[in-house]
Amino acid sequence: MGVLEELESATVEVAERIGPAVVGIGHGWGLGSGVVVADGVVLTNAHNVSDPGVTLIFADGRTVQGQVSGHDIDGDVATIAADTTGVTPLEWASAPSRVGASVFAASNPGGRGLRVTLGTVAAVGRTFRGPRGRRVTGTIEHTAPMAKGSSGGPLLDSSGRLVGLNTNRLGEGFYAALPADDDLRRRVDALSRGESPTRPRLGVGLVPGRAARHIRRAAGLPDRDGVLIQQVEEASPAANAGLRRGDLIVEAGGSPVTSIDDLYQAVDGLGEGQALVLTVVRGAEELSVSVTFEVGGAREEGSA
């Protein structure tokens, strides 16, 4: 058997084996994909499920209504409770992917039918930014092409075992997947029990440092390192503290803020009920602002 025949045989075998476990999220292109990882549990990306109720389309055309049981927006992972009767959950790989390994990306974009493509692992331990700007680390970078609506579908090894959850397009023919490791298993178990992570949030949209300097220069203001507030959510901790659009955050908790990551680190490091003191520049004036957060409160929408 030649190389092309071997590739064809492997692709067909993987598609037949895993096809029933790959589901469409919603109707139409671009809404997303998911994968059955346990009886009654569908795993997908958090950005695919904006509402608690979710329409799932299985490979045989069966449509069921699922319910989001847990979601981690910053990690871009969500689980859906649904009737998966007759579908065998995917087996998890026992070892991590290695650079150069062959992988298959599977999807069912919006229930439009199974897609399976072949690629290789280009890198491991990569980083990208999640839906709200926080860094997601340790991801797999691969070259298996994915159409719009493929996020949330499985990344598979040559035996059809789950090695990752496809998440986003990195550009120039590369794609990112969350590794199907012990950490993801623990997160999936917790989410399927309804244990969604909570984090304090300011409730602001931000402009990163370099762009913020350009904006201040255009307004005739002096250069300062910091992140610029582009919008403030109503009734958010930031709004209640008096922060405004155009404020430049230069310190958080007494530490300099030169990037969005610095601000996330300060917010994530707060104890429950603890206030965060920010130093902001409003025009040319420097102010100290104390931001308080609701106990146990995490806002699941917005940027920071």
C-alpha atoms as a PDB file:
ATOM      1  CA  MET A   1       0.000   0.000   0.000  1.00  0.00           C
ATOM      2  CA  GLY A   2       1.403   3.409  -0.997  1.00  0.00           C
ATOM      3  CA  VAL A   3       1.636   6.477   1.222  1.00  0.00           C
ATOM      4  CA  LEU A   4      -1.464   8.112  -0.260  1.00  0.00           C
ATOM      5  CA  GLU A   5      -3.504   4.948   0.205  1.00  0.00           C
ATOM      6  CA  GLU A   6      -2.319   4.672   3.813  1.00  0.00           C
ATOM      7  CA  LEU A   7      -3.334   8.290   4.520  1.00  0.00           C
ATOM      8  CA  GLU A   8      -6.705   7.737   2.918  1.00  0.00           C
ATOM      9  CA  SER A   9      -7.277   4.548   4.890  1.00  0.00           C
ATOM     10  CA  ALA A  10      -6.287   6.199   8.177  1.00  0.00           C
ATOM     11  CA  THR A  11      -8.532   9.214   7.579  1.00  0.00           C
ATOM     12  CA  VAL A  12     -11.533   7.091   6.649  1.00  0.00           C
ATOM     13  CA  GLU A  13     -11.009   4.834   9.661  1.00  0.00           C
ATOM     14  CA  VAL A  14     -10.790   7.777  12.083  1.00  0.00           C
ATOM     15  CA  ALA A  15     -13.845   9.471  10.564  1.00  0.00           C
ATOM     16  CA  GLU A  16     -15.951   6.306  10.847  1.00  0.00           C
ATOM     17  CA  ARG A  17     -14.833   5.678  14.408  1.00  0.00           C
ATOM     18  CA  ILE A  18     -15.353   9.128  15.890  1.00  0.00           C
ATOM     19  CA  GLY A  19     -18.023  10.619  13.600  1.00  0.00           C
ATOM     20  CA  PRO A  20     -21.058   9.872  15.808  1.00  0.00           C
ATOM     21  CA  ALA A  21     -19.422  11.623  18.795  1.00  0.00           C
ATOM     22  CA  VAL A  22     -18.848  14.928  16.937  1.00  0.00           C
ATOM     23  CA  VAL A  23     -21.853  17.231  17.200  1.00  0.00           C
ATOM     24  CA  GLY A  24     -22.912  20.546  15.752  1.00  0.00           C
ATOM     25  CA  ILE A  25     -23.696  23.489  18.026  1.00  0.00           C
ATOM     26  CA  GLY A  26     -26.713  25.430  16.749  1.00  0.00           C
ATOM     27  CA  HIS A  27     -27.873  25.660  13.158  1.00  0.00           C
ATOM     28  CA  GLY A  28     -25.752  27.116  10.350  1.00  0.00           C
ATOM     29  CA  TRP A  29     -22.136  27.976   9.695  1.00  0.00           C
ATOM     30  CA  GLY A  30     -19.980  29.539  12.326  1.00  0.00           C
ATOM     31  CA  LEU A  31     -21.847  28.501  15.448  1.00  0.00           C
ATOM     32  CA  GLY A  32     -19.456  25.768  16.437  1.00  0.00           C
ATOM     33  CA  SER A  33     -18.870  22.098  17.133  1.00  0.00           C
ATOM     34  CA  GLY A  34     -18.668  19.856  20.175  1.00  0.00           C
ATOM     35  CA  VAL A  35     -17.663  16.353  21.184  1.00  0.00           C
ATOM     36  CA  VAL A  36     -19.207  13.707  23.429  1.00  0.00           C
ATOM     37  CA  VAL A  37     -16.643  12.946  26.157  1.00  0.00           C
ATOM     38  CA  ALA A  38     -18.871  11.060  28.603  1.00  0.00           C
ATOM     39  CA  ASP A  39     -22.421   9.751  28.755  1.00  0.00           C
ATOM     40  CA  GLY A  40     -24.659  12.809  28.714  1.00  0.00           C
ATOM     41  CA  VAL A  41     -21.722  15.258  28.483  1.00  0.00           C
ATOM     42  CA  VAL A  42     -20.733  17.304  25.421  1.00  0.00           C
ATOM     43  CA  LEU A  43     -17.533  19.357  25.562  1.00  0.00           C
ATOM     44  CA  THR A  44     -17.134  22.543  23.524  1.00  0.00           C
ATOM     45  CA  ASN A  45     -15.665  26.057  23.658  1.00  0.00           C
ATOM     46  CA  ALA A  46     -17.293  28.589  25.965  1.00  0.00           C
ATOM     47  CA  HIS A  47     -17.520  31.108  23.125  1.00  0.00           C
ATOM     48  CA  ASN A  48     -19.917  28.729  21.318  1.00  0.00           C
ATOM     49  CA  VAL A  49     -22.603  28.852  24.025  1.00  0.00           C
ATOM     50  CA  SER A  50     -23.882  32.316  24.867  1.00  0.00           C
ATOM     51  CA  ASP A  51     -27.261  31.030  26.132  1.00  0.00           C
ATOM     52  CA  PRO A  52     -28.053  28.330  28.723  1.00  0.00           C
ATOM     53  CA  GLY A  53     -30.101  26.333  26.217  1.00  0.00           C
ATOM     54  CA  VAL A  54     -28.181  24.831  23.293  1.00  0.00           C
ATOM     55  CA  THR A  55     -29.324  23.023  20.143  1.00  0.00           C
ATOM     56  CA  LEU A  56     -27.152  19.998  19.317  1.00  0.00           C
ATOM     57  CA  ILE A  57     -27.152  18.191  15.979  1.00  0.00           C
ATOM     58  CA  PHE A  58     -25.718  14.688  15.876  1.00  0.00           C
ATOM     59  CA  ALA A  59     -24.137  12.975  12.886  1.00  0.00           C
ATOM     60  CA  ASP A  60     -27.318  10.974  12.172  1.00  0.00           C
ATOM     61  CA  GLY A  61     -29.326  14.206  11.934  1.00  0.00           C
ATOM     62  CA  ARG A  62     -30.893  13.850  15.382  1.00  0.00           C
ATOM     63  CA  THR A  63     -31.492  17.209  17.067  1.00  0.00           C
ATOM     64  CA  VAL A  64     -31.658  17.521  20.850  1.00  0.00           C
ATOM     65  CA  GLN A  65     -31.836  20.398  23.277  1.00  0.00           C
ATOM     66  CA  GLY A  66     -28.972  20.561  25.734  1.00  0.00           C
ATOM     67  CA  GLN A  67     -28.317  22.707  28.780  1.00  0.00           C
ATOM     68  CA  VAL A  68     -24.992  24.343  29.612  1.00  0.00           C
ATOM     69  CA  SER A  69     -23.919  22.704  32.873  1.00  0.00           C
ATOM     70  CA  GLY A  70     -20.761  24.759  33.367  1.00  0.00           C
ATOM     71  CA  HIS A  71     -18.535  27.226  31.573  1.00  0.00           C
ATOM     72  CA  ASP A  72     -15.122  28.771  31.986  1.00  0.00           C
ATOM     73  CA  ILE A  73     -15.040  31.801  29.697  1.00  0.00           C
ATOM     74  CA  ASP A  74     -11.423  32.730  30.356  1.00  0.00           C
ATOM     75  CA  GLY A  75     -10.310  29.146  29.642  1.00  0.00           C
ATOM     76  CA  ASP A  76     -12.780  28.916  26.714  1.00  0.00           C
ATOM     77  CA  VAL A  77     -14.274  25.608  27.870  1.00  0.00           C
ATOM     78  CA  ALA A  78     -17.907  24.635  28.470  1.00  0.00           C
ATOM     79  CA  THR A  79     -19.846  21.442  29.078  1.00  0.00           C
ATOM     80  CA  ILE A  80     -23.386  20.726  27.909  1.00  0.00           C
ATOM     81  CA  ALA A  81     -25.737  18.207  29.525  1.00  0.00           C
ATOM     82  CA  ALA A  82     -27.689  16.406  26.805  1.00  0.00           C
ATOM     83  CA  ASP A  83     -29.188  13.078  25.798  1.00  0.00           C
ATOM     84  CA  THR A  84     -26.306  11.251  24.087  1.00  0.00           C
ATOM     85  CA  THR A  85     -28.025   7.853  23.953  1.00  0.00           C
ATOM     86  CA  GLY A  86     -26.423   5.568  21.379  1.00  0.00           C
ATOM     87  CA  VAL A  87     -23.218   7.605  21.090  1.00  0.00           C
ATOM     88  CA  THR A  88     -19.934   6.159  22.353  1.00  0.00           C
ATOM     89  CA  PRO A  89     -17.859   8.874  24.063  1.00  0.00           C
ATOM     90  CA  LEU A  90     -14.378   9.456  22.679  1.00  0.00           C
ATOM     91  CA  GLU A  91     -11.453   7.810  24.388  1.00  0.00           C
ATOM     92  CA  TRP A  92      -8.897  10.223  25.852  1.00  0.00           C
ATOM     93  CA  ALA A  93      -5.293   9.794  24.733  1.00  0.00           C
ATOM     94  CA  SER A  94      -2.967   8.433  27.396  1.00  0.00           C
ATOM     95  CA  ALA A  95       0.062  10.517  26.366  1.00  0.00           C
ATOM     96  CA  PRO A  96       0.511  14.157  25.301  1.00  0.00           C
ATOM     97  CA  SER A  97       1.029  15.125  21.671  1.00  0.00           C
ATOM     98  CA  ARG A  98       4.565  15.554  20.432  1.00  0.00           C
ATOM     99  CA  VAL A  99       5.897  17.939  17.818  1.00  0.00           C
ATOM    100  CA  GLY A 100       5.668  16.261  14.427  1.00  0.00           C
ATOM    101  CA  ALA A 101       2.875  13.851  15.404  1.00  0.00           C
ATOM    102  CA  SER A 102       0.067  13.339  12.904  1.00  0.00           C
ATOM    103  CA  VAL A 103      -3.320  14.627  14.073  1.00  0.00           C
ATOM    104  CA  PHE A 104      -6.853  14.807  12.730  1.00  0.00           C
ATOM    105  CA  ALA A 105      -9.204  17.739  13.319  1.00  0.00           C
ATOM    106  CA  ALA A 106     -12.896  16.815  13.333  1.00  0.00           C
ATOM    107  CA  SER A 107     -15.900  19.112  13.352  1.00  0.00           C
ATOM    108  CA  ASN A 108     -19.581  19.386  12.514  1.00  0.00           C
ATOM    109  CA  PRO A 109     -20.000  23.143  11.936  1.00  0.00           C
ATOM    110  CA  GLY A 110     -23.490  24.102  13.013  1.00  0.00           C
ATOM    111  CA  GLY A 111     -24.724  20.592  12.192  1.00  0.00           C
ATOM    112  CA  ARG A 112     -23.775  20.830   8.513  1.00  0.00           C
ATOM    113  CA  GLY A 113     -22.029  17.470   8.523  1.00  0.00           C
ATOM    114  CA  LEU A 114     -18.835  15.788   9.650  1.00  0.00           C
ATOM    115  CA  ARG A 115     -15.487  17.216   8.519  1.00  0.00           C
ATOM    116  CA  VAL A 116     -12.135  15.526   9.130  1.00  0.00           C
ATOM    117  CA  THR A 117      -8.771  16.965   8.094  1.00  0.00           C
ATOM    118  CA  LEU A 118      -5.188  15.814   8.542  1.00  0.00           C
ATOM    119  CA  GLY A 119      -2.234  17.805   9.856  1.00  0.00           C
ATOM    120  CA  THR A 120       0.747  17.662  12.166  1.00  0.00           C
ATOM    121  CA  VAL A 121       1.593  19.099  15.580  1.00  0.00           C
ATOM    122  CA  ALA A 122       3.751  22.142  14.857  1.00  0.00           C
ATOM    123  CA  ALA A 123       4.431  23.164  18.473  1.00  0.00           C
ATOM    124  CA  VAL A 124       3.342  22.509  22.052  1.00  0.00           C
ATOM    125  CA  GLY A 125       3.179  24.778  25.079  1.00  0.00           C
ATOM    126  CA  ARG A 126       1.914  27.717  23.023  1.00  0.00           C
ATOM    127  CA  THR A 127      -0.097  30.668  24.330  1.00  0.00           C
ATOM    128  CA  PHE A 128      -3.066  32.607  22.998  1.00  0.00           C
ATOM    129  CA  ARG A 129      -5.589  35.015  24.479  1.00  0.00           C
ATOM    130  CA  GLY A 130      -9.000  33.772  25.518  1.00  0.00           C
ATOM    131  CA  PRO A 131     -12.330  35.486  24.809  1.00  0.00           C
ATOM    132  CA  ARG A 132     -11.809  38.086  27.575  1.00  0.00           C
ATOM    133  CA  GLY A 133      -8.113  38.679  26.962  1.00  0.00           C
ATOM    134  CA  ARG A 134      -6.544  36.423  29.577  1.00  0.00           C
ATOM    135  CA  ARG A 135      -3.685  34.246  28.390  1.00  0.00           C
ATOM    136  CA  VAL A 136      -4.410  30.558  27.795  1.00  0.00           C
ATOM    137  CA  THR A 137      -1.149  28.641  28.082  1.00  0.00           C
ATOM    138  CA  GLY A 138       0.123  25.169  27.252  1.00  0.00           C
ATOM    139  CA  THR A 139      -1.853  24.771  24.024  1.00  0.00           C
ATOM    140  CA  ILE A 140      -1.154  22.618  20.970  1.00  0.00           C
ATOM    141  CA  GLU A 141      -0.397  24.352  17.674  1.00  0.00           C
ATOM    142  CA  HIS A 142      -1.242  22.219  14.635  1.00  0.00           C
ATOM    143  CA  THR A 143      -1.752  22.430  10.868  1.00  0.00           C
ATOM    144  CA  ALA A 144      -4.971  20.437  10.284  1.00  0.00           C
ATOM    145  CA  PRO A 145      -7.194  22.906   8.342  1.00  0.00           C
ATOM    146  CA  MET A 146     -10.458  23.894  10.012  1.00  0.00           C
ATOM    147  CA  ALA A 147     -13.462  25.619   8.458  1.00  0.00           C
ATOM    148  CA  LYS A 148     -15.463  28.315  10.190  1.00  0.00           C
ATOM    149  CA  GLY A 149     -17.578  26.723  12.897  1.00  0.00           C
ATOM    150  CA  SER A 150     -15.000  24.042  13.755  1.00  0.00           C
ATOM    151  CA  SER A 151     -14.036  25.423  17.165  1.00  0.00           C
ATOM    152  CA  GLY A 152     -15.066  23.081  19.946  1.00  0.00           C
ATOM    153  CA  GLY A 153     -14.425  20.002  17.824  1.00  0.00           C
ATOM    154  CA  PRO A 154     -11.881  17.339  18.789  1.00  0.00           C
ATOM    155  CA  LEU A 155      -8.229  17.025  17.826  1.00  0.00           C
ATOM    156  CA  LEU A 156      -7.394  13.328  17.474  1.00  0.00           C
ATOM    157  CA  ASP A 157      -4.396  11.057  17.199  1.00  0.00           C
ATOM    158  CA  SER A 158      -4.031   8.391  14.506  1.00  0.00           C
ATOM    159  CA  SER A 159      -6.105   5.977  16.620  1.00  0.00           C
ATOM    160  CA  GLY A 160      -9.011   8.415  16.969  1.00  0.00           C
ATOM    161  CA  ARG A 161      -8.302   9.243  20.607  1.00  0.00           C
ATOM    162  CA  LEU A 162      -8.857  12.747  21.962  1.00  0.00           C
ATOM    163  CA  VAL A 163      -5.617  14.730  22.227  1.00  0.00           C
ATOM    164  CA  GLY A 164      -7.085  18.234  22.249  1.00  0.00           C
ATOM    165  CA  LEU A 165     -10.076  20.544  21.897  1.00  0.00           C
ATOM    166  CA  ASN A 166      -9.792  22.843  18.887  1.00  0.00           C
ATOM    167  CA  THR A 167     -10.223  26.437  19.945  1.00  0.00           C
ATOM    168  CA  ASN A 168      -9.191  29.076  17.430  1.00  0.00           C
ATOM    169  CA  ARG A 169      -7.318  29.971  14.271  1.00  0.00           C
ATOM    170  CA  LEU A 170      -3.839  31.387  14.864  1.00  0.00           C
ATOM    171  CA  GLY A 171      -3.350  32.580  11.288  1.00  0.00           C
ATOM    172  CA  GLU A 172      -1.026  31.532   8.459  1.00  0.00           C
ATOM    173  CA  GLY A 173      -2.357  27.971   8.478  1.00  0.00           C
ATOM    174  CA  PHE A 174      -1.911  27.234  12.183  1.00  0.00           C
ATOM    175  CA  TYR A 175      -4.602  26.356  14.705  1.00  0.00           C
ATOM    176  CA  ALA A 176      -4.721  26.107  18.501  1.00  0.00           C
ATOM    177  CA  ALA A 177      -6.133  23.287  20.631  1.00  0.00           C
ATOM    178  CA  LEU A 178      -6.399  22.883  24.379  1.00  0.00           C
ATOM    179  CA  PRO A 179      -4.513  19.705  25.324  1.00  0.00           C
ATOM    180  CA  ALA A 180      -6.645  16.789  26.524  1.00  0.00           C
ATOM    181  CA  ASP A 181      -4.541  16.342  29.645  1.00  0.00           C
ATOM    182  CA  ASP A 182      -5.336  15.612  33.281  1.00  0.00           C
ATOM    183  CA  ASP A 183      -6.020  19.302  33.932  1.00  0.00           C
ATOM    184  CA  LEU A 184      -8.681  19.440  31.203  1.00  0.00           C
ATOM    185  CA  ARG A 185     -10.250  16.245  32.545  1.00  0.00           C
ATOM    186  CA  ARG A 186     -10.534  17.773  36.007  1.00  0.00           C
ATOM    187  CA  ARG A 187     -12.032  20.938  34.566  1.00  0.00           C
ATOM    188  CA  VAL A 188     -14.552  18.959  32.503  1.00  0.00           C
ATOM    189  CA  ASP A 189     -15.576  16.920  35.551  1.00  0.00           C
ATOM    190  CA  ALA A 190     -16.062  20.087  37.611  1.00  0.00           C
ATOM    191  CA  LEU A 191     -17.976  21.911  34.874  1.00  0.00           C
ATOM    192  CA  SER A 192     -20.264  18.934  34.280  1.00  0.00           C
ATOM    193  CA  ARG A 193     -21.138  19.098  38.006  1.00  0.00           C
ATOM    194  CA  GLY A 194     -22.074  22.755  37.573  1.00  0.00           C
ATOM    195  CA  GLU A 195     -18.910  24.112  39.185  1.00  0.00           C
ATOM    196  CA  SER A 196     -18.083  27.097  36.975  1.00  0.00           C
ATOM    197  CA  PRO A 197     -15.022  29.115  38.052  1.00  0.00           C
ATOM    198  CA  THR A 198     -15.611  32.643  39.307  1.00  0.00           C
ATOM    199  CA  ARG A 199     -13.184  35.547  39.166  1.00  0.00           C
ATOM    200  CA  PRO A 200     -13.544  39.199  40.219  1.00  0.00           C
ATOM    201  CA  ARG A 201     -13.818  41.578  37.285  1.00  0.00           C
ATOM    202  CA  LEU A 202     -13.528  45.332  36.934  1.00  0.00           C
ATOM    203  CA  GLY A 203     -16.072  45.527  34.137  1.00  0.00           C
ATOM    204  CA  VAL A 204     -14.038  47.523  31.626  1.00  0.00           C
ATOM    205  CA  GLY A 205     -12.934  47.205  28.025  1.00  0.00           C
ATOM    206  CA  LEU A 206      -9.241  47.995  27.619  1.00  0.00           C
ATOM    207  CA  VAL A 207      -6.795  49.320  25.031  1.00  0.00           C
ATOM    208  CA  PRO A 208      -3.299  47.804  25.479  1.00  0.00           C
ATOM    209  CA  GLY A 209      -0.207  49.890  26.191  1.00  0.00           C
ATOM    210  CA  ARG A 210       1.165  50.599  22.708  1.00  0.00           C
ATOM    211  CA  ALA A 211      -2.219  51.606  21.286  1.00  0.00           C
ATOM    212  CA  ALA A 212      -2.952  53.624  24.433  1.00  0.00           C
ATOM    213  CA  ARG A 213       0.226  55.690  23.921  1.00  0.00           C
ATOM    214  CA  HIS A 214      -0.795  56.469  20.336  1.00  0.00           C
ATOM    215  CA  ILE A 215      -4.229  57.619  21.485  1.00  0.00           C
ATOM    216  CA  ARG A 216      -2.770  59.873  24.187  1.00  0.00           C
ATOM    217  CA  ARG A 217      -0.282  61.373  21.739  1.00  0.00           C
ATOM    218  CA  ALA A 218      -3.110  62.114  19.304  1.00  0.00           C
ATOM    219  CA  ALA A 219      -4.923  63.934  22.107  1.00  0.00           C
ATOM    220  CA  GLY A 220      -1.791  65.943  22.945  1.00  0.00           C
ATOM    221  CA  LEU A 221      -1.233  64.182  26.287  1.00  0.00           C
ATOM    222  CA  PRO A 222       2.162  63.066  27.611  1.00  0.00           C
ATOM    223  CA  ASP A 223       3.316  59.463  27.192  1.00  0.00           C
ATOM    224  CA  ARG A 224       2.694  57.127  30.138  1.00  0.00           C
ATOM    225  CA  ASP A 225       2.901  53.372  30.394  1.00  0.00           C
ATOM    226  CA  GLY A 226      -0.474  51.845  31.201  1.00  0.00           C
ATOM    227  CA  VAL A 227      -3.697  50.446  29.770  1.00  0.00           C
ATOM    228  CA  LEU A 228      -6.475  52.728  28.586  1.00  0.00           C
ATOM    229  CA  ILE A 229     -10.121  52.234  29.538  1.00  0.00           C
ATOM    230  CA  GLN A 230     -12.186  52.159  26.359  1.00  0.00           C
ATOM    231  CA  GLN A 231     -15.549  51.394  27.942  1.00  0.00           C
ATOM    232  CA  VAL A 232     -17.061  50.920  31.383  1.00  0.00           C
ATOM    233  CA  GLU A 233     -19.965  48.545  32.015  1.00  0.00           C
ATOM    234  CA  GLU A 234     -22.946  49.997  33.823  1.00  0.00           C
ATOM    235  CA  ALA A 235     -23.258  49.042  37.508  1.00  0.00           C
ATOM    236  CA  SER A 236     -19.851  47.300  37.374  1.00  0.00           C
ATOM    237  CA  PRO A 237     -17.199  47.643  40.112  1.00  0.00           C
ATOM    238  CA  ALA A 238     -15.326  50.055  37.823  1.00  0.00           C
ATOM    239  CA  ALA A 239     -18.409  52.211  37.298  1.00  0.00           C
ATOM    240  CA  ASN A 240     -19.224  52.214  40.997  1.00  0.00           C
ATOM    241  CA  ALA A 241     -15.663  53.364  41.753  1.00  0.00           C
ATOM    242  CA  GLY A 242     -15.989  56.273  39.330  1.00  0.00           C
ATOM    243  CA  LEU A 243     -13.658  55.037  36.582  1.00  0.00           C
ATOM    244  CA  ARG A 244     -14.322  56.591  33.187  1.00  0.00           C
ATOM    245  CA  ARG A 245     -13.660  55.994  29.553  1.00  0.00           C
ATOM    246  CA  GLY A 246     -10.274  57.540  28.729  1.00  0.00           C
ATOM    247  CA  ASP A 247      -8.727  56.847  32.131  1.00  0.00           C
ATOM    248  CA  LEU A 248      -5.227  55.375  31.895  1.00  0.00           C
ATOM    249  CA  ILE A 249      -4.505  52.718  34.540  1.00  0.00           C
ATOM    250  CA  VAL A 250      -0.822  52.999  35.470  1.00  0.00           C
ATOM    251  CA  GLU A 251      -0.699  51.074  38.768  1.00  0.00           C
ATOM    252  CA  ALA A 252      -2.742  48.312  40.390  1.00  0.00           C
ATOM    253  CA  GLY A 253      -2.237  47.305  43.999  1.00  0.00           C
ATOM    254  CA  GLY A 254       0.964  49.363  44.125  1.00  0.00           C
ATOM    255  CA  SER A 255       2.564  47.597  41.134  1.00  0.00           C
ATOM    256  CA  PRO A 256       3.123  49.196  37.715  1.00  0.00           C
ATOM    257  CA  VAL A 257       0.682  48.299  34.957  1.00  0.00           C
ATOM    258  CA  THR A 258       2.419  48.170  31.578  1.00  0.00           C
ATOM    259  CA  SER A 259       0.194  45.526  29.981  1.00  0.00           C
ATOM    260  CA  ILE A 260      -3.248  44.020  30.297  1.00  0.00           C
ATOM    261  CA  ASP A 261      -1.628  40.954  31.879  1.00  0.00           C
ATOM    262  CA  ASP A 262      -0.344  43.108  34.761  1.00  0.00           C
ATOM    263  CA  LEU A 263      -3.886  44.223  35.494  1.00  0.00           C
ATOM    264  CA  TYR A 264      -5.280  40.687  35.286  1.00  0.00           C
ATOM    265  CA  GLN A 265      -2.589  39.517  37.709  1.00  0.00           C
ATOM    266  CA  ALA A 266      -3.538  42.193  40.219  1.00  0.00           C
ATOM    267  CA  VAL A 267      -7.260  41.431  39.967  1.00  0.00           C
ATOM    268  CA  ASP A 268      -6.787  37.653  40.152  1.00  0.00           C
ATOM    269  CA  GLY A 269      -4.552  38.009  43.200  1.00  0.00           C
ATOM    270  CA  LEU A 270      -7.217  39.658  45.334  1.00  0.00           C
ATOM    271  CA  GLY A 271      -8.603  37.927  48.386  1.00  0.00           C
ATOM    272  CA  GLU A 272     -12.363  37.600  48.735  1.00  0.00           C
ATOM    273  CA  GLY A 273     -13.905  40.969  49.534  1.00  0.00           C
ATOM    274  CA  GLN A 274     -10.561  42.771  49.140  1.00  0.00           C
ATOM    275  CA  ALA A 275     -10.482  46.170  47.414  1.00  0.00           C
ATOM    276  CA  LEU A 276      -8.042  47.013  44.623  1.00  0.00           C
ATOM    277  CA  VAL A 277      -6.376  50.426  44.634  1.00  0.00           C
ATOM    278  CA  LEU A 278      -5.696  51.731  41.140  1.00  0.00           C
ATOM    279  CA  THR A 279      -3.623  54.707  40.120  1.00  0.00           C
ATOM    280  CA  VAL A 280      -5.148  56.276  37.029  1.00  0.00           C
ATOM    281  CA  VAL A 281      -4.235  59.253  34.875  1.00  0.00           C
ATOM    282  CA  ARG A 282      -7.236  61.290  33.773  1.00  0.00           C
ATOM    283  CA  GLY A 283      -6.009  63.761  31.216  1.00  0.00           C
ATOM    284  CA  ALA A 284      -2.868  65.056  32.932  1.00  0.00           C
ATOM    285  CA  GLU A 285      -4.153  64.504  36.482  1.00  0.00           C
ATOM    286  CA  GLU A 286      -3.131  61.447  38.537  1.00  0.00           C
ATOM    287  CA  LEU A 287      -5.803  59.928  40.801  1.00  0.00           C
ATOM    288  CA  SER A 288      -6.055  57.065  43.298  1.00  0.00           C
ATOM    289  CA  VAL A 289      -9.233  54.984  42.959  1.00  0.00           C
ATOM    290  CA  SER A 290     -10.319  52.133  45.241  1.00  0.00           C
ATOM    291  CA  VAL A 291     -12.408  49.439  43.539  1.00  0.00           C
ATOM    292  CA  THR A 292     -14.504  47.022  45.607  1.00  0.00           C
ATOM    293  CA  PHE A 293     -15.951  43.765  44.330  1.00  0.00           C
ATOM    294  CA  GLU A 294     -19.008  41.775  45.313  1.00  0.00           C
ATOM    295  CA  VAL A 295     -18.171  38.802  47.500  1.00  0.00           C
ATOM    296  CA  GLY A 296     -17.706  35.751  45.266  1.00  0.00           C
ATOM    297  CA  GLY A 297     -18.752  37.850  42.306  1.00  0.00           C
ATOM    298  CA  ALA A 298     -17.535  37.129  38.831  1.00  0.00           C
ATOM    299  CA  ARG A 299     -19.137  38.827  35.873  1.00  0.00           C
ATOM    300  CA  GLU A 300     -19.294  36.394  32.985  1.00  0.00           C
ATOM    301  CA  GLU A 301     -19.484  39.041  30.266  1.00  0.00           C
ATOM    302  CA  GLY A 302     -17.041  41.707  29.107  1.00  0.00           C
ATOM    303  CA  SER A 303     -13.301  42.073  28.960  1.00  0.00           C
ATOM    304  CA  ALA A 304     -11.602  42.616  32.328  1.00  0.00           C
END
